[in-house]
Amino acid sequence: MTKKPHLGKNVSRIRRANNMKQETLARALGISQQAVSKMEQRPVIGDDLLNKIAKILMVSPNVLKIHNQEFIIDKITKRNKQNYSFKKLIGLTIRLIIRIIKKLFKGNQ
């Protein structure tokens, strides 16, 4: 017999892997933080709500239904690190462009 996943715990794990607070998920769903807390304690979540949550957490609804999520959480953590690195690189590039533009304008005066 296959062990069924605890959907509420899975939502909680994926939410935390995305560095998202319950309040943030609650706002996106249009419910209270307390409702998210209670939902994360439930082993079963309806498909409609699960689909909304998956979209907010940027994962497939099937990911939330996987029993062993260690692999998924590892992938999300790596994705978040890559996104952070990319954002940092964009910020450095923008600052460099601004410096170049300032030097060009100073040279034209």
PDB file of N, CA and C in Angstrom:
ATOM      1  N   MET A   1       0.851  -1.190   0.000  1.00  0.00           N
ATOM      2  CA  MET A   1       0.000   0.000   0.000  1.00  0.00           C
ATOM      3  C   MET A   1       0.891   1.246   0.000  1.00  0.00           C
ATOM      4  N   THR A   2       0.609   2.157  -0.926  1.00  0.00           N
ATOM      5  CA  THR A   2       1.401   3.381  -1.016  1.00  0.00           C
ATOM      6  C   THR A   2       0.927   4.398   0.010  1.00  0.00           C
ATOM      7  N   LYS A   3       1.895   5.046   0.592  1.00  0.00           N
ATOM      8  CA  LYS A   3       1.577   6.060   1.589  1.00  0.00           C
ATOM      9  C   LYS A   3       1.134   7.348   0.889  1.00  0.00           C
ATOM     10  N   LYS A   4      -0.003   7.897   1.310  1.00  0.00           N
ATOM     11  CA  LYS A   4      -0.512   9.121   0.697  1.00  0.00           C
ATOM     12  C   LYS A   4       0.222  10.325   1.278  1.00  0.00           C
ATOM     13  N   PRO A   5       0.460  11.320   0.432  1.00  0.00           N
ATOM     14  CA  PRO A   5       1.141  12.516   0.940  1.00  0.00           C
ATOM     15  C   PRO A   5       0.200  13.347   1.814  1.00  0.00           C
ATOM     16  N   HIS A   6       0.771  14.047   2.757  1.00  0.00           N
ATOM     17  CA  HIS A   6       0.028  14.992   3.588  1.00  0.00           C
ATOM     18  C   HIS A   6       0.114  16.325   2.844  1.00  0.00           C
ATOM     19  N   LEU A   7      -0.947  16.682   2.124  1.00  0.00           N
ATOM     20  CA  LEU A   7      -0.909  17.844   1.244  1.00  0.00           C
ATOM     21  C   LEU A   7      -0.620  19.145   1.984  1.00  0.00           C
ATOM     22  N   GLY A   8      -1.180  19.299   3.169  1.00  0.00           N
ATOM     23  CA  GLY A   8      -0.933  20.513   3.944  1.00  0.00           C
ATOM     24  C   GLY A   8       0.537  20.675   4.285  1.00  0.00           C
ATOM     25  N   LYS A   9       1.170  19.585   4.712  1.00  0.00           N
ATOM     26  CA  LYS A   9       2.607  19.640   5.029  1.00  0.00           C
ATOM     27  C   LYS A   9       3.416  19.923   3.767  1.00  0.00           C
ATOM     28  N   ASN A  10       2.989  19.341   2.651  1.00  0.00           N
ATOM     29  CA  ASN A  10       3.700  19.578   1.402  1.00  0.00           C
ATOM     30  C   ASN A  10       3.613  21.047   0.985  1.00  0.00           C
ATOM     31  N   VAL A  11       2.439  21.636   1.136  1.00  0.00           N
ATOM     32  CA  VAL A  11       2.279  23.059   0.835  1.00  0.00           C
ATOM     33  C   VAL A  11       3.213  23.872   1.729  1.00  0.00           C
ATOM     34  N   SER A  12       3.245  23.533   3.003  1.00  0.00           N
ATOM     35  CA  SER A  12       4.098  24.238   3.949  1.00  0.00           C
ATOM     36  C   SER A  12       5.576  24.129   3.557  1.00  0.00           C
ATOM     37  N   ARG A  13       6.009  22.927   3.197  1.00  0.00           N
ATOM     38  CA  ARG A  13       7.412  22.718   2.813  1.00  0.00           C
ATOM     39  C   ARG A  13       7.785  23.542   1.580  1.00  0.00           C
ATOM     40  N   ILE A  14       6.932  23.478   0.563  1.00  0.00           N
ATOM     41  CA  ILE A  14       7.220  24.202  -0.677  1.00  0.00           C
ATOM     42  C   ILE A  14       7.154  25.717  -0.438  1.00  0.00           C
ATOM     43  N   ARG A  15       6.196  26.156   0.369  1.00  0.00           N
ATOM     44  CA  ARG A  15       6.083  27.584   0.701  1.00  0.00           C
ATOM     45  C   ARG A  15       7.362  28.066   1.383  1.00  0.00           C
ATOM     46  N   ARG A  16       7.824  27.297   2.366  1.00  0.00           N
ATOM     47  CA  ARG A  16       9.040  27.676   3.092  1.00  0.00           C
ATOM     48  C   ARG A  16      10.271  27.606   2.188  1.00  0.00           C
ATOM     49  N   ALA A  17      10.317  26.625   1.282  1.00  0.00           N
ATOM     50  CA  ALA A  17      11.440  26.519   0.339  1.00  0.00           C
ATOM     51  C   ALA A  17      11.499  27.743  -0.569  1.00  0.00           C
ATOM     52  N   ASN A  18      10.346  28.357  -0.800  1.00  0.00           N
ATOM     53  CA  ASN A  18      10.268  29.573  -1.609  1.00  0.00           C
ATOM     54  C   ASN A  18      10.440  30.840  -0.768  1.00  0.00           C
ATOM     55  N   ASN A  19      10.824  30.666   0.493  1.00  0.00           N
ATOM     56  CA  ASN A  19      10.992  31.807   1.412  1.00  0.00           C
ATOM     57  C   ASN A  19       9.731  32.676   1.475  1.00  0.00           C
ATOM     58  N   MET A  20       8.585  32.019   1.488  1.00  0.00           N
ATOM     59  CA  MET A  20       7.310  32.720   1.531  1.00  0.00           C
ATOM     60  C   MET A  20       6.672  32.527   2.902  1.00  0.00           C
ATOM     61  N   LYS A  21       6.158  33.597   3.451  1.00  0.00           N
ATOM     62  CA  LYS A  21       5.467  33.520   4.739  1.00  0.00           C
ATOM     63  C   LYS A  21       4.009  33.129   4.518  1.00  0.00           C
ATOM     64  N   GLN A  22       3.390  32.618   5.572  1.00  0.00           N
ATOM     65  CA  GLN A  22       1.966  32.278   5.502  1.00  0.00           C
ATOM     66  C   GLN A  22       1.133  33.499   5.135  1.00  0.00           C
ATOM     67  N   GLU A  23       1.516  34.650   5.651  1.00  0.00           N
ATOM     68  CA  GLU A  23       0.775  35.884   5.373  1.00  0.00           C
ATOM     69  C   GLU A  23       0.772  36.191   3.878  1.00  0.00           C
ATOM     70  N   THR A  24       1.910  35.961   3.229  1.00  0.00           N
ATOM     71  CA  THR A  24       2.026  36.242   1.796  1.00  0.00           C
ATOM     72  C   THR A  24       1.130  35.306   0.990  1.00  0.00           C
ATOM     73  N   LEU A  25       1.170  34.026   1.337  1.00  0.00           N
ATOM     74  CA  LEU A  25       0.311  33.057   0.654  1.00  0.00           C
ATOM     75  C   LEU A  25      -1.154  33.386   0.915  1.00  0.00           C
ATOM     76  N   ALA A  26      -1.466  33.766   2.138  1.00  0.00           N
ATOM     77  CA  ALA A  26      -2.846  34.109   2.499  1.00  0.00           C
ATOM     78  C   ALA A  26      -3.351  35.277   1.647  1.00  0.00           C
ATOM     79  N   ARG A  27      -2.530  36.327   1.533  1.00  0.00           N
ATOM     80  CA  ARG A  27      -2.926  37.485   0.732  1.00  0.00           C
ATOM     81  C   ARG A  27      -3.185  37.084  -0.716  1.00  0.00           C
ATOM     82  N   ALA A  28      -2.290  36.256  -1.265  1.00  0.00           N
ATOM     83  CA  ALA A  28      -2.434  35.826  -2.660  1.00  0.00           C
ATOM     84  C   ALA A  28      -3.693  34.985  -2.866  1.00  0.00           C
ATOM     85  N   LEU A  29      -4.086  34.240  -1.843  1.00  0.00           N
ATOM     86  CA  LEU A  29      -5.286  33.398  -1.931  1.00  0.00           C
ATOM     87  C   LEU A  29      -6.560  34.142  -1.530  1.00  0.00           C
ATOM     88  N   GLY A  30      -6.383  35.312  -0.903  1.00  0.00           N
ATOM     89  CA  GLY A  30      -7.542  36.073  -0.442  1.00  0.00           C
ATOM     90  C   GLY A  30      -8.166  35.499   0.816  1.00  0.00           C
ATOM     91  N   ILE A  31      -7.317  34.881   1.665  1.00  0.00           N
ATOM     92  CA  ILE A  31      -7.793  34.313   2.933  1.00  0.00           C
ATOM     93  C   ILE A  31      -6.899  34.825   4.061  1.00  0.00           C
ATOM     94  N   SER A  32      -7.228  34.468   5.281  1.00  0.00           N
ATOM     95  CA  SER A  32      -6.432  34.922   6.424  1.00  0.00           C
ATOM     96  C   SER A  32      -5.206  34.025   6.635  1.00  0.00           C
ATOM     97  N   GLN A  33      -4.256  34.543   7.373  1.00  0.00           N
ATOM     98  CA  GLN A  33      -3.063  33.766   7.722  1.00  0.00           C
ATOM     99  C   GLN A  33      -3.464  32.559   8.556  1.00  0.00           C
ATOM    100  N   GLN A  34      -4.465  32.723   9.423  1.00  0.00           N
ATOM    101  CA  GLN A  34      -4.937  31.620  10.254  1.00  0.00           C
ATOM    102  C   GLN A  34      -5.522  30.500   9.393  1.00  0.00           C
ATOM    103  N   ALA A  35      -6.209  30.874   8.314  1.00  0.00           N
ATOM    104  CA  ALA A  35      -6.784  29.870   7.410  1.00  0.00           C
ATOM    105  C   ALA A  35      -5.668  29.083   6.714  1.00  0.00           C
ATOM    106  N   VAL A  36      -4.581  29.767   6.349  1.00  0.00           N
ATOM    107  CA  VAL A  36      -3.441  29.072   5.742  1.00  0.00           C
ATOM    108  C   VAL A  36      -2.828  28.115   6.756  1.00  0.00           C
ATOM    109  N   SER A  37      -2.682  28.572   7.993  1.00  0.00           N
ATOM    110  CA  SER A  37      -2.121  27.727   9.045  1.00  0.00           C
ATOM    111  C   SER A  37      -2.947  26.452   9.227  1.00  0.00           C
ATOM    112  N   LYS A  38      -4.260  26.608   9.282  1.00  0.00           N
ATOM    113  CA  LYS A  38      -5.137  25.438   9.435  1.00  0.00           C
ATOM    114  C   LYS A  38      -5.054  24.526   8.207  1.00  0.00           C
ATOM    115  N   MET A  39      -5.004  25.130   7.022  1.00  0.00           N
ATOM    116  CA  MET A  39      -4.933  24.356   5.782  1.00  0.00           C
ATOM    117  C   MET A  39      -3.653  23.515   5.754  1.00  0.00           C
ATOM    118  N   GLU A  40      -2.545  24.091   6.222  1.00  0.00           N
ATOM    119  CA  GLU A  40      -1.270  23.380   6.212  1.00  0.00           C
ATOM    120  C   GLU A  40      -1.250  22.218   7.203  1.00  0.00           C
ATOM    121  N   GLN A  41      -2.228  22.153   8.075  1.00  0.00           N
ATOM    122  CA  GLN A  41      -2.334  21.035   9.015  1.00  0.00           C
ATOM    123  C   GLN A  41      -3.232  19.921   8.493  1.00  0.00           C
ATOM    124  N   ARG A  42      -3.939  20.188   7.398  1.00  0.00           N
ATOM    125  CA  ARG A  42      -4.867  19.201   6.837  1.00  0.00           C
ATOM    126  C   ARG A  42      -4.159  18.244   5.877  1.00  0.00           C
ATOM    127  N   PRO A  43      -4.451  16.966   5.959  1.00  0.00           N
ATOM    128  CA  PRO A  43      -3.833  16.002   5.034  1.00  0.00           C
ATOM    129  C   PRO A  43      -4.420  16.074   3.626  1.00  0.00           C
ATOM    130  N   VAL A  44      -5.641  16.598   3.505  1.00  0.00           N
ATOM    131  CA  VAL A  44      -6.305  16.659   2.198  1.00  0.00           C
ATOM    132  C   VAL A  44      -6.695  18.103   1.901  1.00  0.00           C
ATOM    133  N   ILE A  45      -6.417  18.527   0.656  1.00  0.00           N
ATOM    134  CA  ILE A  45      -6.802  19.860   0.188  1.00  0.00           C
ATOM    135  C   ILE A  45      -7.489  19.655  -1.154  1.00  0.00           C
ATOM    136  N   GLY A  46      -8.602  20.329  -1.364  1.00  0.00           N
ATOM    137  CA  GLY A  46      -9.350  20.200  -2.613  1.00  0.00           C
ATOM    138  C   GLY A  46      -8.527  20.611  -3.828  1.00  0.00           C
ATOM    139  N   ASP A  47      -8.849  20.017  -4.974  1.00  0.00           N
ATOM    140  CA  ASP A  47      -8.090  20.272  -6.203  1.00  0.00           C
ATOM    141  C   ASP A  47      -8.090  21.740  -6.624  1.00  0.00           C
ATOM    142  N   ASP A  48      -9.236  22.424  -6.507  1.00  0.00           N
ATOM    143  CA  ASP A  48      -9.292  23.832  -6.916  1.00  0.00           C
ATOM    144  C   ASP A  48      -8.317  24.678  -6.108  1.00  0.00           C
ATOM    145  N   LEU A  49      -8.348  24.517  -4.800  1.00  0.00           N
ATOM    146  CA  LEU A  49      -7.450  25.267  -3.926  1.00  0.00           C
ATOM    147  C   LEU A  49      -6.008  24.849  -4.163  1.00  0.00           C
ATOM    148  N   LEU A  50      -5.770  23.560  -4.333  1.00  0.00           N
ATOM    149  CA  LEU A  50      -4.418  23.065  -4.568  1.00  0.00           C
ATOM    150  C   LEU A  50      -3.848  23.651  -5.867  1.00  0.00           C
ATOM    151  N   ASN A  51      -4.676  23.766  -6.890  1.00  0.00           N
ATOM    152  CA  ASN A  51      -4.236  24.360  -8.156  1.00  0.00           C
ATOM    153  C   ASN A  51      -3.858  25.831  -7.990  1.00  0.00           C
ATOM    154  N   LYS A  52      -4.644  26.575  -7.209  1.00  0.00           N
ATOM    155  CA  LYS A  52      -4.337  27.988  -6.947  1.00  0.00           C
ATOM    156  C   LYS A  52      -3.014  28.113  -6.192  1.00  0.00           C
ATOM    157  N   ILE A  53      -2.848  27.274  -5.184  1.00  0.00           N
ATOM    158  CA  ILE A  53      -1.625  27.299  -4.380  1.00  0.00           C
ATOM    159  C   ILE A  53      -0.410  26.978  -5.251  1.00  0.00           C
ATOM    160  N   ALA A  54      -0.547  25.955  -6.093  1.00  0.00           N
ATOM    161  CA  ALA A  54       0.558  25.553  -6.966  1.00  0.00           C
ATOM    162  C   ALA A  54       0.978  26.705  -7.869  1.00  0.00           C
ATOM    163  N   LYS A  55       0.004  27.410  -8.403  1.00  0.00           N
ATOM    164  CA  LYS A  55       0.307  28.543  -9.286  1.00  0.00           C
ATOM    165  C   LYS A  55       1.069  29.629  -8.525  1.00  0.00           C
ATOM    166  N   ILE A  56       0.629  29.927  -7.322  1.00  0.00           N
ATOM    167  CA  ILE A  56       1.290  30.951  -6.498  1.00  0.00           C
ATOM    168  C   ILE A  56       2.708  30.522  -6.144  1.00  0.00           C
ATOM    169  N   LEU A  57       2.880  29.227  -5.835  1.00  0.00           N
ATOM    170  CA  LEU A  57       4.201  28.723  -5.438  1.00  0.00           C
ATOM    171  C   LEU A  57       5.078  28.367  -6.649  1.00  0.00           C
ATOM    172  N   MET A  58       4.538  28.554  -7.847  1.00  0.00           N
ATOM    173  CA  MET A  58       5.268  28.312  -9.094  1.00  0.00           C
ATOM    174  C   MET A  58       5.734  26.864  -9.241  1.00  0.00           C
ATOM    175  N   VAL A  59       4.843  25.951  -8.932  1.00  0.00           N
ATOM    176  CA  VAL A  59       5.099  24.522  -9.121  1.00  0.00           C
ATOM    177  C   VAL A  59       3.865  23.881  -9.745  1.00  0.00           C
ATOM    178  N   SER A  60       4.043  22.695 -10.262  1.00  0.00           N
ATOM    179  CA  SER A  60       2.913  21.932 -10.788  1.00  0.00           C
ATOM    180  C   SER A  60       2.094  21.417  -9.604  1.00  0.00           C
ATOM    181  N   PRO A  61       0.767  21.314  -9.758  1.00  0.00           N
ATOM    182  CA  PRO A  61      -0.037  20.731  -8.684  1.00  0.00           C
ATOM    183  C   PRO A  61       0.446  19.322  -8.310  1.00  0.00           C
ATOM    184  N   ASN A  62       0.976  18.588  -9.284  1.00  0.00           N
ATOM    185  CA  ASN A  62       1.485  17.239  -9.004  1.00  0.00           C
ATOM    186  C   ASN A  62       2.659  17.251  -8.035  1.00  0.00           C
ATOM    187  N   VAL A  63       3.439  18.323  -8.059  1.00  0.00           N
ATOM    188  CA  VAL A  63       4.575  18.446  -7.132  1.00  0.00           C
ATOM    189  C   VAL A  63       4.075  18.449  -5.694  1.00  0.00           C
ATOM    190  N   LEU A  64       2.928  19.070  -5.469  1.00  0.00           N
ATOM    191  CA  LEU A  64       2.370  19.136  -4.119  1.00  0.00           C
ATOM    192  C   LEU A  64       1.821  17.791  -3.658  1.00  0.00           C
ATOM    193  N   LYS A  65       1.626  16.873  -4.611  1.00  0.00           N
ATOM    194  CA  LYS A  65       1.067  15.562  -4.286  1.00  0.00           C
ATOM    195  C   LYS A  65       2.129  14.481  -4.114  1.00  0.00           C
ATOM    196  N   ILE A  66       3.403  14.842  -4.270  1.00  0.00           N
ATOM    197  CA  ILE A  66       4.490  13.864  -4.141  1.00  0.00           C
ATOM    198  C   ILE A  66       4.750  13.596  -2.665  1.00  0.00           C
ATOM    199  N   HIS A  67       4.888  12.319  -2.322  1.00  0.00           N
ATOM    200  CA  HIS A  67       5.109  11.972  -0.912  1.00  0.00           C
ATOM    201  C   HIS A  67       6.490  12.417  -0.426  1.00  0.00           C
ATOM    202  N   ASN A  68       7.543  12.022  -1.119  1.00  0.00           N
ATOM    203  CA  ASN A  68       8.903  12.400  -0.713  1.00  0.00           C
ATOM    204  C   ASN A  68       9.335  13.611  -1.517  1.00  0.00           C
ATOM    205  N   GLN A  69       9.399  14.751  -0.876  1.00  0.00           N
ATOM    206  CA  GLN A  69       9.647  16.002  -1.581  1.00  0.00           C
ATOM    207  C   GLN A  69      11.082  16.514  -1.474  1.00  0.00           C
ATOM    208  N   GLU A  70      11.977  15.744  -0.888  1.00  0.00           N
ATOM    209  CA  GLU A  70      13.342  16.244  -0.709  1.00  0.00           C
ATOM    210  C   GLU A  70      13.968  16.694  -2.027  1.00  0.00           C
ATOM    211  N   PHE A  71      13.779  15.909  -3.079  1.00  0.00           N
ATOM    212  CA  PHE A  71      14.327  16.245  -4.388  1.00  0.00           C
ATOM    213  C   PHE A  71      13.736  17.558  -4.899  1.00  0.00           C
ATOM    214  N   ILE A  72      12.430  17.705  -4.746  1.00  0.00           N
ATOM    215  CA  ILE A  72      11.741  18.911  -5.217  1.00  0.00           C
ATOM    216  C   ILE A  72      12.221  20.133  -4.441  1.00  0.00           C
ATOM    217  N   ILE A  73      12.316  20.010  -3.140  1.00  0.00           N
ATOM    218  CA  ILE A  73      12.748  21.133  -2.309  1.00  0.00           C
ATOM    219  C   ILE A  73      14.170  21.534  -2.669  1.00  0.00           C
ATOM    220  N   ASP A  74      15.028  20.554  -2.941  1.00  0.00           N
ATOM    221  CA  ASP A  74      16.390  20.842  -3.371  1.00  0.00           C
ATOM    222  C   ASP A  74      16.383  21.642  -4.670  1.00  0.00           C
ATOM    223  N   LYS A  75      15.536  21.245  -5.616  1.00  0.00           N
ATOM    224  CA  LYS A  75      15.440  21.953  -6.898  1.00  0.00           C
ATOM    225  C   LYS A  75      14.941  23.393  -6.693  1.00  0.00           C
ATOM    226  N   ILE A  76      13.951  23.577  -5.830  1.00  0.00           N
ATOM    227  CA  ILE A  76      13.415  24.914  -5.568  1.00  0.00           C
ATOM    228  C   ILE A  76      14.485  25.783  -4.922  1.00  0.00           C
ATOM    229  N   THR A  77      15.212  25.224  -3.973  1.00  0.00           N
ATOM    230  CA  THR A  77      16.274  25.971  -3.313  1.00  0.00           C
ATOM    231  C   THR A  77      17.329  26.409  -4.322  1.00  0.00           C
ATOM    232  N   LYS A  78      17.715  25.504  -5.215  1.00  0.00           N
ATOM    233  CA  LYS A  78      18.698  25.854  -6.258  1.00  0.00           C
ATOM    234  C   LYS A  78      18.145  26.927  -7.177  1.00  0.00           C
ATOM    235  N   ARG A  79      16.855  26.812  -7.553  1.00  0.00           N
ATOM    236  CA  ARG A  79      16.229  27.821  -8.413  1.00  0.00           C
ATOM    237  C   ARG A  79      16.250  29.184  -7.737  1.00  0.00           C
ATOM    238  N   ASN A  80      15.937  29.222  -6.445  1.00  0.00           N
ATOM    239  CA  ASN A  80      15.932  30.485  -5.718  1.00  0.00           C
ATOM    240  C   ASN A  80      17.329  31.094  -5.661  1.00  0.00           C
ATOM    241  N   LYS A  81      18.348  30.259  -5.462  1.00  0.00           N
ATOM    242  CA  LYS A  81      19.725  30.758  -5.440  1.00  0.00           C
ATOM    243  C   LYS A  81      20.121  31.312  -6.800  1.00  0.00           C
ATOM    244  N   GLN A  82      19.714  30.626  -7.876  1.00  0.00           N
ATOM    245  CA  GLN A  82      20.015  31.106  -9.220  1.00  0.00           C
ATOM    246  C   GLN A  82      19.305  32.427  -9.486  1.00  0.00           C
ATOM    247  N   ASN A  83      18.044  32.523  -9.069  1.00  0.00           N
ATOM    248  CA  ASN A  83      17.301  33.773  -9.243  1.00  0.00           C
ATOM    249  C   ASN A  83      17.965  34.910  -8.486  1.00  0.00           C
ATOM    250  N   TYR A  84      18.436  34.633  -7.270  1.00  0.00           N
ATOM    251  CA  TYR A  84      19.111  35.654  -6.474  1.00  0.00           C
ATOM    252  C   TYR A  84      20.391  36.100  -7.175  1.00  0.00           C
ATOM    253  N   SER A  85      21.170  35.150  -7.680  1.00  0.00           N
ATOM    254  CA  SER A  85      22.411  35.471  -8.383  1.00  0.00           C
ATOM    255  C   SER A  85      22.120  36.292  -9.629  1.00  0.00           C
ATOM    256  N   PHE A  86      21.076  35.930 -10.359  1.00  0.00           N
ATOM    257  CA  PHE A  86      20.710  36.655 -11.569  1.00  0.00           C
ATOM    258  C   PHE A  86      20.290  38.085 -11.229  1.00  0.00           C
ATOM    259  N   LYS A  87      19.492  38.247 -10.174  1.00  0.00           N
ATOM    260  CA  LYS A  87      19.058  39.578  -9.756  1.00  0.00           C
ATOM    261  C   LYS A  87      20.255  40.426  -9.329  1.00  0.00           C
ATOM    262  N   LYS A  88      21.195  39.803  -8.640  1.00  0.00           N
ATOM    263  CA  LYS A  88      22.390  40.508  -8.200  1.00  0.00           C
ATOM    264  C   LYS A  88      23.204  40.963  -9.412  1.00  0.00           C
ATOM    265  N   LEU A  89      23.348  40.092 -10.401  1.00  0.00           N
ATOM    266  CA  LEU A  89      24.076  40.417 -11.623  1.00  0.00           C
ATOM    267  C   LEU A  89      23.392  41.554 -12.370  1.00  0.00           C
ATOM    268  N   ILE A  90      22.070  41.526 -12.447  1.00  0.00           N
ATOM    269  CA  ILE A  90      21.316  42.601 -13.108  1.00  0.00           C
ATOM    270  C   ILE A  90      21.571  43.925 -12.389  1.00  0.00           C
ATOM    271  N   GLY A  91      21.536  43.893 -11.051  1.00  0.00           N
ATOM    272  CA  GLY A  91      21.773  45.107 -10.269  1.00  0.00           C
ATOM    273  C   GLY A  91      23.155  45.681 -10.521  1.00  0.00           C
ATOM    274  N   LEU A  92      24.166  44.833 -10.553  1.00  0.00           N
ATOM    275  CA  LEU A  92      25.533  45.288 -10.825  1.00  0.00           C
ATOM    276  C   LEU A  92      25.646  45.870 -12.227  1.00  0.00           C
ATOM    277  N   THR A  93      25.002  45.225 -13.185  1.00  0.00           N
ATOM    278  CA  THR A  93      25.035  45.702 -14.569  1.00  0.00           C
ATOM    279  C   THR A  93      24.382  47.079 -14.687  1.00  0.00           C
ATOM    280  N   ILE A  94      23.256  47.260 -14.029  1.00  0.00           N
ATOM    281  CA  ILE A  94      22.565  48.553 -14.078  1.00  0.00           C
ATOM    282  C   ILE A  94      23.425  49.644 -13.458  1.00  0.00           C
ATOM    283  N   ARG A  95      24.048  49.342 -12.318  1.00  0.00           N
ATOM    284  CA  ARG A  95      24.924  50.341 -11.680  1.00  0.00           C
ATOM    285  C   ARG A  95      26.100  50.698 -12.588  1.00  0.00           C
ATOM    286  N   LEU A  96      26.661  49.723 -13.265  1.00  0.00           N
ATOM    287  CA  LEU A  96      27.772  49.965 -14.178  1.00  0.00           C
ATOM    288  C   LEU A  96      27.322  50.846 -15.345  1.00  0.00           C
ATOM    289  N   ILE A  97      26.164  50.566 -15.894  1.00  0.00           N
ATOM    290  CA  ILE A  97      25.634  51.363 -17.006  1.00  0.00           C
ATOM    291  C   ILE A  97      25.399  52.801 -16.558  1.00  0.00           C
ATOM    292  N   ILE A  98      24.871  52.984 -15.376  1.00  0.00           N
ATOM    293  CA  ILE A  98      24.621  54.338 -14.843  1.00  0.00           C
ATOM    294  C   ILE A  98      25.938  55.090 -14.698  1.00  0.00           C
ATOM    295  N   ARG A  99      26.967  54.434 -14.185  1.00  0.00           N
ATOM    296  CA  ARG A  99      28.286  55.083 -14.054  1.00  0.00           C
ATOM    297  C   ARG A  99      28.836  55.498 -15.414  1.00  0.00           C
ATOM    298  N   ILE A 100      28.702  54.626 -16.398  1.00  0.00           N
ATOM    299  CA  ILE A 100      29.197  54.934 -17.752  1.00  0.00           C
ATOM    300  C   ILE A 100      28.446  56.127 -18.323  1.00  0.00           C
ATOM    301  N   ILE A 101      27.136  56.154 -18.155  1.00  0.00           N
ATOM    302  CA  ILE A 101      26.327  57.258 -18.664  1.00  0.00           C
ATOM    303  C   ILE A 101      26.714  58.560 -17.973  1.00  0.00           C
ATOM    304  N   LYS A 102      26.921  58.513 -16.671  1.00  0.00           N
ATOM    305  CA  LYS A 102      27.322  59.719 -15.932  1.00  0.00           C
ATOM    306  C   LYS A 102      28.659  60.242 -16.446  1.00  0.00           C
ATOM    307  N   LYS A 103      29.613  59.328 -16.689  1.00  0.00           N
ATOM    308  CA  LYS A 103      30.931  59.744 -17.196  1.00  0.00           C
ATOM    309  C   LYS A 103      30.808  60.344 -18.597  1.00  0.00           C
ATOM    310  N   LEU A 104      29.939  59.765 -19.418  1.00  0.00           N
ATOM    311  CA  LEU A 104      29.729  60.296 -20.763  1.00  0.00           C
ATOM    312  C   LEU A 104      29.151  61.706 -20.711  1.00  0.00           C
ATOM    313  N   PHE A 105      28.190  61.929 -19.809  1.00  0.00           N
ATOM    314  CA  PHE A 105      27.589  63.254 -19.694  1.00  0.00           C
ATOM    315  C   PHE A 105      28.576  64.272 -19.118  1.00  0.00           C
ATOM    316  N   LYS A 106      29.420  63.854 -18.200  1.00  0.00           N
ATOM    317  CA  LYS A 106      30.428  64.748 -17.638  1.00  0.00           C
ATOM    318  C   LYS A 106      31.431  65.142 -18.716  1.00  0.00           C
ATOM    319  N   GLY A 107      31.764  64.210 -19.585  1.00  0.00           N
ATOM    320  CA  GLY A 107      32.726  64.474 -20.667  1.00  0.00           C
ATOM    321  C   GLY A 107      32.174  65.408 -21.728  1.00  0.00           C
ATOM    322  N   ASN A 108      30.846  65.473 -21.873  1.00  0.00           N
ATOM    323  CA  ASN A 108      30.220  66.330 -22.881  1.00  0.00           C
ATOM    324  C   ASN A 108      29.981  67.749 -22.384  1.00  0.00           C
ATOM    325  N   GLN A 109      30.223  68.009 -21.120  1.00  0.00           N
ATOM    326  CA  GLN A 109      29.934  69.344 -20.564  1.00  0.00           C
ATOM    327  C   GLN A 109      31.115  70.254 -20.687  1.00  0.00           C
TER     328      GLN A 109
END
